[in-house]
């Protein structure tokens, strides 16, 4: 197993050996790395909207954050606040604190505030369907981040636009990196949270990709994201005892699972860059960047441009308030490894594309 593979060139030797040995996995490995490499390059070109409505003045929006301990949710929220400040909007953030009851309470508070718009940030739309119906009846537009697997409008639940990278591409990138990194013989444990439909969909996709390529899924673990701090230390120890060296890679639907694995792996005598190699299909948290940079119990995160997505959420809300259609923009994903961590925002421990997105949005909002 070789760490930090980024380009196909880095695999030439391994592929040559595989071909010489008549290994039928050679083409699959080459195809996998070619797929991953597309999403490991610099993101320097703005491919989002260039036209849209001028920013409405003096709007108040409420952000319903599923759990601000989640790095992805926090990053998107920070982007919303930054963008809203640029156009003079007021933002009120309510933290659901990682529980259904907390999010239900936050939804009630949001409705009571009677804002101009509500942003659902990081929880499944079906969970708060009653509150969302109440928002629709009150004429309050809804936009969302990760409220489901769909990209754009979710008409069945009244969401004007759901902002996300393509979750299936994120999952495929993570799974194919693990497959190639294991020289075509991964033994994978997948971590997901069935509280969220998008988490199930992402985990199922990773499972399908690994198995279609001929790898092995040792276990499919359903454990709540909100309880990772309590569950992951003992769970990691149990999984090591059960699977031993067969466990070559972990695939998780979120970086948060790996926040609490390190001490258990270290206690078992596993080095930071040893197996199992941890690979996350989202979201590119600050702690994930730090682990990857220091080669401490995570090699890859398939990051989302969280700050950019915050700006997009404000833009989509402005379009909803102006009575226009959603922008149609799908934000880029980024496979982050030790080889490419120092560009596109990496020194700040985030995927923040150097593609001029802020200037593009400000130009739209200014009406110029």
Protein backbone atom coordinates (compact mmCIF):
# COMPACT_ATOMS: atom_id res chain seq x y z
CA UNK A 1 0.00 0.00 0.00
CA UNK A 2 1.37 3.41 -0.95
CA UNK A 3 0.31 6.64 0.73
CA UNK A 4 -0.58 10.02 -0.79
CA UNK A 5 -1.03 8.98 -4.39
CA UNK A 6 -2.21 11.95 -6.40
CA UNK A 7 -1.27 11.47 -10.04
CA UNK A 8 -1.38 8.53 -12.38
CA UNK A 9 2.34 9.00 -12.97
CA UNK A 10 3.01 8.11 -9.36
CA UNK A 11 1.43 4.73 -9.96
CA UNK A 12 3.34 3.82 -13.11
CA UNK A 13 5.60 1.34 -11.33
CA UNK A 14 2.77 -0.40 -9.52
CA UNK A 15 0.72 -0.64 -12.67
CA UNK A 16 3.64 -1.99 -14.67
CA UNK A 17 4.14 -4.74 -12.11
CA UNK A 18 0.46 -5.55 -12.14
CA UNK A 19 0.41 -5.83 -15.92
CA UNK A 20 3.56 -7.96 -15.92
CA UNK A 21 1.92 -10.30 -13.45
CA UNK A 22 -1.20 -10.48 -15.58
CA UNK A 23 -3.18 -8.73 -12.87
CA UNK A 24 -6.64 -7.91 -14.22
CA UNK A 25 -6.94 -5.12 -11.65
CA UNK A 26 -4.36 -2.97 -13.49
CA UNK A 27 -6.91 -1.30 -15.78
CA UNK A 28 -9.32 -0.81 -12.91
CA UNK A 29 -6.61 0.85 -10.82
CA UNK A 30 -5.57 3.11 -13.67
CA UNK A 31 -9.19 4.09 -14.34
CA UNK A 32 -9.77 4.73 -10.64
CA UNK A 33 -6.79 7.07 -10.33
CA UNK A 34 -7.68 8.86 -13.55
CA UNK A 35 -11.13 9.51 -12.09
CA UNK A 36 -9.70 10.73 -8.76
CA UNK A 37 -7.06 12.88 -10.41
CA UNK A 38 -9.73 15.01 -12.12
CA UNK A 39 -10.84 16.21 -8.71
CA UNK A 40 -7.38 16.67 -7.21
CA UNK A 41 -6.33 19.53 -9.45
CA UNK A 42 -6.41 23.26 -8.73
CA UNK A 43 -9.78 24.99 -9.11
CA UNK A 44 -8.90 28.28 -10.79
CA UNK A 45 -11.83 29.05 -13.09
CA UNK A 46 -15.21 30.39 -12.01
CA UNK A 47 -17.92 28.29 -13.65
CA UNK A 48 -20.82 29.62 -11.60
CA UNK A 49 -23.43 32.29 -12.35
CA UNK A 50 -22.49 35.67 -13.82
CA UNK A 51 -25.98 37.15 -13.93
CA UNK A 52 -28.81 37.41 -11.43
CA UNK A 53 -30.89 39.84 -9.39
CA UNK A 54 -29.39 42.79 -7.58
CA UNK A 55 -29.17 42.20 -3.82
CA UNK A 56 -32.35 43.15 -2.01
CA UNK A 57 -31.82 45.57 0.84
CA UNK A 58 -32.29 45.02 4.58
CA UNK A 59 -33.20 41.33 4.58
CA UNK A 60 -33.16 39.17 7.71
CA UNK A 61 -32.45 35.46 7.39
CA UNK A 62 -32.29 32.69 9.97
CA UNK A 63 -29.76 29.88 9.62
CA UNK A 64 -30.88 26.60 11.19
CA UNK A 65 -27.57 24.81 11.82
CA UNK A 66 -27.94 21.08 12.40
CA UNK A 67 -24.92 20.98 14.70
CA UNK A 68 -22.23 23.65 14.84
CA UNK A 69 -19.73 21.07 16.17
CA UNK A 70 -19.79 19.65 12.63
CA UNK A 71 -17.00 21.32 10.66
CA UNK A 72 -18.93 21.31 7.40
CA UNK A 73 -21.98 23.00 8.89
CA UNK A 74 -19.80 25.55 10.67
CA UNK A 75 -17.87 26.32 7.49
CA UNK A 76 -21.01 26.88 5.42
CA UNK A 77 -22.47 29.04 8.20
CA UNK A 78 -19.34 31.20 8.28
CA UNK A 79 -19.64 31.69 4.53
CA UNK A 80 -23.28 32.76 4.86
CA UNK A 81 -22.39 35.33 7.50
CA UNK A 82 -19.49 36.68 5.44
CA UNK A 83 -21.57 37.04 2.27
CA UNK A 84 -24.57 38.53 4.06
CA UNK A 85 -22.38 41.17 5.68
CA UNK A 86 -21.28 42.31 2.22
CA UNK A 87 -24.85 43.23 1.26
CA UNK A 88 -26.11 44.44 4.59
CA UNK A 89 -28.32 41.50 5.56
CA UNK A 90 -28.96 40.46 9.14
CA UNK A 91 -28.20 36.82 9.99
CA UNK A 92 -29.45 34.96 13.04
CA UNK A 93 -27.88 31.51 13.61
CA UNK A 94 -29.76 28.90 15.65
CA UNK A 95 -27.86 25.73 16.64
CA UNK A 96 -29.77 22.43 16.62
CA UNK A 97 -26.91 20.98 18.69
CA UNK A 98 -26.95 17.60 16.96
CA UNK A 99 -30.36 16.37 18.11
CA UNK A 100 -33.82 16.12 16.57
CA UNK A 101 -35.34 17.89 19.56
CA UNK A 102 -32.77 20.68 19.27
CA UNK A 103 -33.49 21.19 15.59
CA UNK A 104 -37.25 21.09 16.18
CA UNK A 105 -36.88 23.77 18.83
CA UNK A 106 -34.70 25.86 16.51
CA UNK A 107 -37.27 25.56 13.73
CA UNK A 108 -39.96 26.82 16.10
CA UNK A 109 -37.78 29.78 17.08
CA UNK A 110 -37.08 30.55 13.43
CA UNK A 111 -40.77 30.65 12.55
CA UNK A 112 -41.50 32.86 15.56
CA UNK A 113 -38.89 35.36 14.37
CA UNK A 114 -40.75 35.75 11.03
CA UNK A 115 -37.58 36.28 8.96
CA UNK A 116 -37.46 37.08 5.27
CA UNK A 117 -35.90 33.67 4.63
CA UNK A 118 -34.67 30.50 6.34
CA UNK A 119 -31.56 28.49 5.47
CA UNK A 120 -31.66 24.81 6.46
CA UNK A 121 -28.03 23.96 7.17
CA UNK A 122 -26.97 20.34 7.52
CA UNK A 123 -29.95 18.15 8.35
CA UNK A 124 -32.46 16.05 6.46
CA UNK A 125 -35.44 17.99 5.16
CA UNK A 126 -37.90 15.18 5.96
CA UNK A 127 -37.10 15.45 9.65
CA UNK A 128 -38.54 18.96 9.98
CA UNK A 129 -41.26 18.60 7.37
CA UNK A 130 -43.97 20.08 9.62
CA UNK A 131 -41.97 23.23 10.29
CA UNK A 132 -41.05 23.56 6.64
CA UNK A 133 -44.71 23.38 5.66
CA UNK A 134 -45.42 26.11 8.17
CA UNK A 135 -42.69 28.25 6.59
CA UNK A 136 -44.22 27.73 3.15
CA UNK A 137 -47.65 28.71 4.45
CA UNK A 138 -46.14 31.86 5.94
CA UNK A 139 -44.50 32.71 2.60
CA UNK A 140 -40.95 32.32 3.99
CA UNK A 141 -38.58 30.97 1.30
CA UNK A 142 -36.28 28.09 2.18
CA UNK A 143 -32.84 27.28 0.80
CA UNK A 144 -30.64 24.54 2.19
CA UNK A 145 -27.22 22.95 2.49
CA UNK A 146 -27.17 19.14 2.51
CA UNK A 147 -30.90 18.76 3.17
CA UNK A 148 -30.98 15.78 0.82
CA UNK A 149 -29.18 14.08 -2.02
CA UNK A 150 -30.88 16.24 -4.66
CA UNK A 151 -29.06 19.26 -6.09
CA UNK A 152 -31.16 22.38 -6.63
CA UNK A 153 -34.93 22.61 -6.07
CA UNK A 154 -36.60 20.09 -3.76
CA UNK A 155 -40.19 20.89 -4.60
CA UNK A 156 -41.68 18.08 -2.52
CA UNK A 157 -40.46 19.73 0.68
CA UNK A 158 -40.64 23.35 -0.43
CA UNK A 159 -36.91 24.02 -0.78
CA UNK A 160 -36.04 26.60 -3.42
CA UNK A 161 -32.50 25.24 -3.85
CA UNK A 162 -30.41 22.63 -2.04
CA UNK A 163 -26.71 23.52 -2.23
CA UNK A 164 -24.19 20.69 -2.31
CA UNK A 165 -21.48 19.14 -4.38
CA UNK A 166 -22.58 16.01 -6.23
CA UNK A 167 -22.68 13.53 -3.32
CA UNK A 168 -22.36 10.52 -5.58
CA UNK A 169 -19.18 11.90 -7.17
CA UNK A 170 -17.82 12.61 -3.69
CA UNK A 171 -18.46 9.02 -2.64
CA UNK A 172 -17.07 7.58 -5.85
CA UNK A 173 -13.88 9.64 -5.52
CA UNK A 174 -13.29 8.46 -1.94
CA UNK A 175 -13.94 4.81 -2.77
CA UNK A 176 -11.76 4.81 -5.88
CA UNK A 177 -8.87 6.46 -4.03
CA UNK A 178 -9.04 3.73 -1.39
CA UNK A 179 -9.21 1.01 -4.04
CA UNK A 180 -6.10 2.29 -5.83
CA UNK A 181 -4.22 3.01 -2.61
CA UNK A 182 -4.73 -0.62 -1.57
CA UNK A 183 -3.30 -1.82 -4.90
CA UNK A 184 -6.73 -3.12 -5.83
CA UNK A 185 -7.26 -5.18 -2.68
CA UNK A 186 -8.98 -2.96 -0.10
CA UNK A 187 -10.63 -4.30 3.01
CA UNK A 188 -13.03 -1.50 3.85
CA UNK A 189 -15.17 -0.48 6.80
CA UNK A 190 -17.80 2.13 5.94
CA UNK A 191 -19.15 4.58 8.54
CA UNK A 192 -22.52 6.26 8.04
CA UNK A 193 -25.49 7.67 9.93
CA UNK A 194 -28.97 6.48 8.95
CA UNK A 195 -30.50 9.58 10.55
CA UNK A 196 -29.75 11.28 7.23
CA UNK A 197 -30.89 9.97 3.86
CA UNK A 198 -27.96 11.64 2.13
CA UNK A 199 -25.58 9.75 4.46
CA UNK A 200 -27.21 6.44 3.53
CA UNK A 201 -27.01 7.27 -0.17
CA UNK A 202 -23.33 8.23 0.07
CA UNK A 203 -22.41 5.12 2.06
CA UNK A 204 -24.33 2.86 -0.31
CA UNK A 205 -22.50 4.40 -3.25
CA UNK A 206 -19.10 3.77 -1.65
CA UNK A 207 -20.08 0.18 -0.90
CA UNK A 208 -21.22 -0.37 -4.49
CA UNK A 209 -18.04 1.11 -5.98
CA UNK A 210 -15.72 -0.96 -3.77
CA UNK A 211 -17.57 -4.19 -4.48
CA UNK A 212 -17.91 -3.53 -8.22
CA UNK A 213 -14.13 -3.03 -8.40
CA UNK A 214 -13.54 -6.32 -6.60
CA UNK A 215 -12.67 -4.97 -3.16
CA UNK A 216 -14.12 -6.19 0.12
CA UNK A 217 -16.49 -4.34 2.44
CA UNK A 218 -15.74 -5.87 5.83
CA UNK A 219 -18.45 -4.02 7.70
CA UNK A 220 -21.07 -1.31 7.19
CA UNK A 221 -21.29 0.63 10.45
CA UNK A 222 -24.29 2.83 11.22
CA UNK A 223 -23.45 5.15 14.12
CA UNK A 224 -24.75 8.69 14.75
CA UNK A 225 -22.50 11.59 13.75
CA UNK A 226 -23.65 13.52 16.81
CA UNK A 227 -22.35 10.75 19.12
CA UNK A 228 -18.95 10.12 17.54
CA UNK A 229 -17.04 11.47 20.53
CA UNK A 230 -18.63 8.88 22.80
CA UNK A 231 -18.86 5.94 20.40
CA UNK A 232 -15.81 5.99 18.13
CA UNK A 233 -13.00 5.22 20.64
CA UNK A 234 -14.47 1.89 21.80
CA UNK A 235 -15.96 1.12 18.39
CA UNK A 236 -12.52 1.52 16.78
CA UNK A 237 -10.98 -0.87 19.30
CA UNK A 238 -13.74 -3.44 18.72
CA UNK A 239 -13.36 -3.23 14.95
CA UNK A 240 -9.60 -3.74 15.19
CA UNK A 241 -10.13 -6.82 17.32
CA UNK A 242 -12.71 -8.17 14.90
CA UNK A 243 -10.95 -7.51 11.58
CA UNK A 244 -7.27 -6.99 12.35
CA UNK A 245 -5.01 -6.50 9.33
CA UNK A 246 -7.87 -7.20 6.93
CA UNK A 247 -9.05 -3.67 7.68
CA UNK A 248 -6.96 -1.62 5.22
CA UNK A 249 -9.17 1.46 4.75
CA UNK A 250 -11.99 3.33 6.44
CA UNK A 251 -14.55 5.19 4.34
CA UNK A 252 -16.74 7.66 6.22
CA UNK A 253 -19.47 9.99 5.04
CA UNK A 254 -18.01 12.81 7.16
CA UNK A 255 -14.66 13.80 8.65
CA UNK A 256 -16.14 13.88 12.14
CA UNK A 257 -15.82 10.10 12.50
CA UNK A 258 -12.05 10.41 12.36
CA UNK A 259 -11.87 13.14 15.01
CA UNK A 260 -12.02 10.45 17.68
CA UNK A 261 -10.27 7.41 16.17
CA UNK A 262 -6.63 8.42 16.60
CA UNK A 263 -6.09 7.56 20.27
CA UNK A 264 -7.54 4.07 19.84
CA UNK A 265 -5.41 3.41 16.77
CA UNK A 266 -2.31 4.71 18.55
CA UNK A 267 -3.05 2.53 21.57
CA UNK A 268 -3.09 -0.47 19.23
CA UNK A 269 0.42 0.41 18.04
CA UNK A 270 -0.71 1.78 14.66
CA UNK A 271 1.30 4.71 13.30
CA UNK A 272 -0.39 7.84 12.00
CA UNK A 273 0.26 6.90 8.38
CA UNK A 274 -0.44 3.20 8.87
CA UNK A 275 -3.43 1.01 8.14
CA UNK A 276 -6.33 1.34 8.39
CA UNK A 277 -6.05 4.43 6.18
CA UNK A 278 -8.89 6.87 6.84
CA UNK A 279 -10.66 8.44 3.86
CA UNK A 280 -13.61 10.81 4.19
CA UNK A 281 -16.32 11.47 1.62
CA UNK A 282 -16.89 15.00 3.01
CA UNK A 283 -16.72 17.70 4.13
CA UNK A 284 -13.15 18.98 4.43
CA UNK A 285 -13.10 20.15 8.05
CA UNK A 286 -10.23 22.05 9.63
CA UNK A 287 -9.33 19.05 11.79
CA UNK A 288 -9.26 16.81 8.71
CA UNK A 289 -6.82 19.14 6.97
CA UNK A 290 -4.62 19.12 10.06
CA UNK A 291 -4.61 15.32 10.21
CA UNK A 292 -3.78 14.98 6.53
CA UNK A 293 -0.98 17.55 6.69
CA UNK A 294 0.63 15.84 9.67
CA UNK A 295 -0.09 12.29 8.42
CA UNK A 296 -1.98 11.50 11.62
CA UNK A 297 -4.78 8.99 11.06
CA UNK A 298 -6.28 10.48 7.91
CA UNK A 299 -4.92 10.50 4.37
CA UNK A 300 -7.80 11.97 2.32
CA UNK A 301 -10.87 14.12 2.58
CA UNK A 302 -13.12 14.83 -0.39
CA UNK A 303 -13.71 18.44 0.53
CA UNK A 304 -16.49 20.80 -0.31
CA UNK A 305 -15.92 24.56 -0.81
CA UNK A 306 -17.77 25.44 2.38
CA UNK A 307 -17.21 29.19 2.30
CA UNK A 308 -18.15 29.35 -1.38
CA UNK A 309 -21.29 27.34 -0.64
CA UNK A 310 -22.19 29.87 2.05
CA UNK A 311 -21.98 32.60 -0.56
CA UNK A 312 -24.06 30.50 -2.94
CA UNK A 313 -26.71 30.02 -0.25
CA UNK A 314 -27.03 33.80 0.10
CA UNK A 315 -27.21 34.16 -3.69
CA UNK A 316 -29.90 31.48 -3.96
CA UNK A 317 -31.87 33.14 -1.15
CA UNK A 318 -31.63 36.48 -2.96
CA UNK A 319 -32.96 34.83 -6.12
CA UNK A 320 -35.83 33.27 -4.17
CA UNK A 321 -36.73 36.61 -2.56
CA UNK A 322 -36.57 38.30 -5.97
CA UNK A 323 -38.91 35.72 -7.48
CA UNK A 324 -36.34 34.34 -9.92
CA UNK A 325 -35.21 30.77 -10.65
CA UNK A 326 -32.31 29.08 -8.85
CA UNK A 327 -28.87 29.63 -10.36
CA UNK A 328 -28.28 26.04 -11.51
CA UNK A 329 -24.76 26.08 -10.08
CA UNK A 330 -23.20 22.88 -8.69
CA UNK A 331 -20.14 23.64 -6.57
CA UNK A 332 -16.86 21.75 -7.17
CA UNK A 333 -15.50 18.96 -5.00
CA UNK A 334 -11.82 18.50 -4.21
CA UNK A 335 -9.83 15.37 -3.32
CA UNK A 336 -7.37 16.62 -0.69
CA UNK A 337 -4.16 14.65 -0.03
CA UNK A 338 -0.73 15.48 1.36
CA UNK A 339 0.38 16.18 -2.22
CA UNK A 340 -2.06 19.01 -2.93
CA UNK A 341 -2.98 20.33 0.51
CA UNK A 342 -1.08 23.59 0.11
CA UNK A 343 -3.25 25.14 -2.59
CA UNK A 344 -6.88 26.26 -2.96
CA UNK A 345 -7.14 27.38 0.65
CA UNK A 346 -5.16 24.52 2.14
CA UNK A 347 -2.83 26.71 4.25
CA UNK A 348 -6.01 27.93 6.01
CA UNK A 349 -7.17 24.32 6.47
CA UNK A 350 -10.09 24.60 4.10
CA UNK A 351 -10.97 24.08 0.45
CA UNK A 352 -11.48 27.65 -0.72
CA UNK A 353 -11.03 27.81 -4.50
CA UNK A 354 -8.93 30.61 -5.92
CA UNK A 355 -11.43 31.13 -8.72
CA UNK A 356 -12.78 34.61 -7.97
CA UNK A 357 -16.17 33.50 -6.68
CA UNK A 358 -16.53 36.42 -4.26
CA UNK A 359 -15.92 39.01 -6.95
CA UNK A 360 -18.38 37.20 -9.24
CA UNK A 361 -21.15 37.24 -6.65
CA UNK A 362 -20.48 40.82 -5.59
CA UNK A 363 -20.72 41.90 -9.21
CA UNK A 364 -24.11 40.21 -9.54
CA UNK A 365 -25.41 41.67 -6.29
CA UNK A 366 -24.26 45.19 -7.14
CA UNK A 367 -26.17 45.07 -10.41
CA UNK A 368 -23.08 46.00 -12.39
